[in-house]
């Protein structure tokens, strides 16, 4: 119910397409959340309260990307647990940072950032962090051959 309300809160707004179906794949009855309904609810409440308590402020005024950082961390955990299959579409933060720093050495801005095998998008995220979104004049672009979801 909470997830449907979050999606519904974006109806009629610019972000509607970003929220539509966002939680379709979440299984709140998974035993991985807990062996009983009470345990699963307890864990979900803790998760939602944790997100609700994050001091995110206004997106435009923020220099950190809390959700991007969390996404990269979780993708790294997934890739390490999945073994080779996870590594097929995830570039570690360290490798992404090295590639970014080599590419932008001596540059204050670039026209575009393009990753021809972006998978999880970690390289694009790293460019945005290190160089800054405003220093990429024409945007970030990526493509991926595999469909992951």
Foldseek 3Di string as FASTA:
>chain_A
DVLVVVLVVCPPHPCNVVSVCPCVPDDLPDCVQHDDNVSSVVSVVVVVVVVVPDPQPDPVPDLDDVVLVVLLVVLVVVLVVVDPVSVQQHDHLVVLLVVLCVVCPPHLAEAEAEDAACRSVSNVVNNCNPNNQVRHNHYYYYDHDDDDD
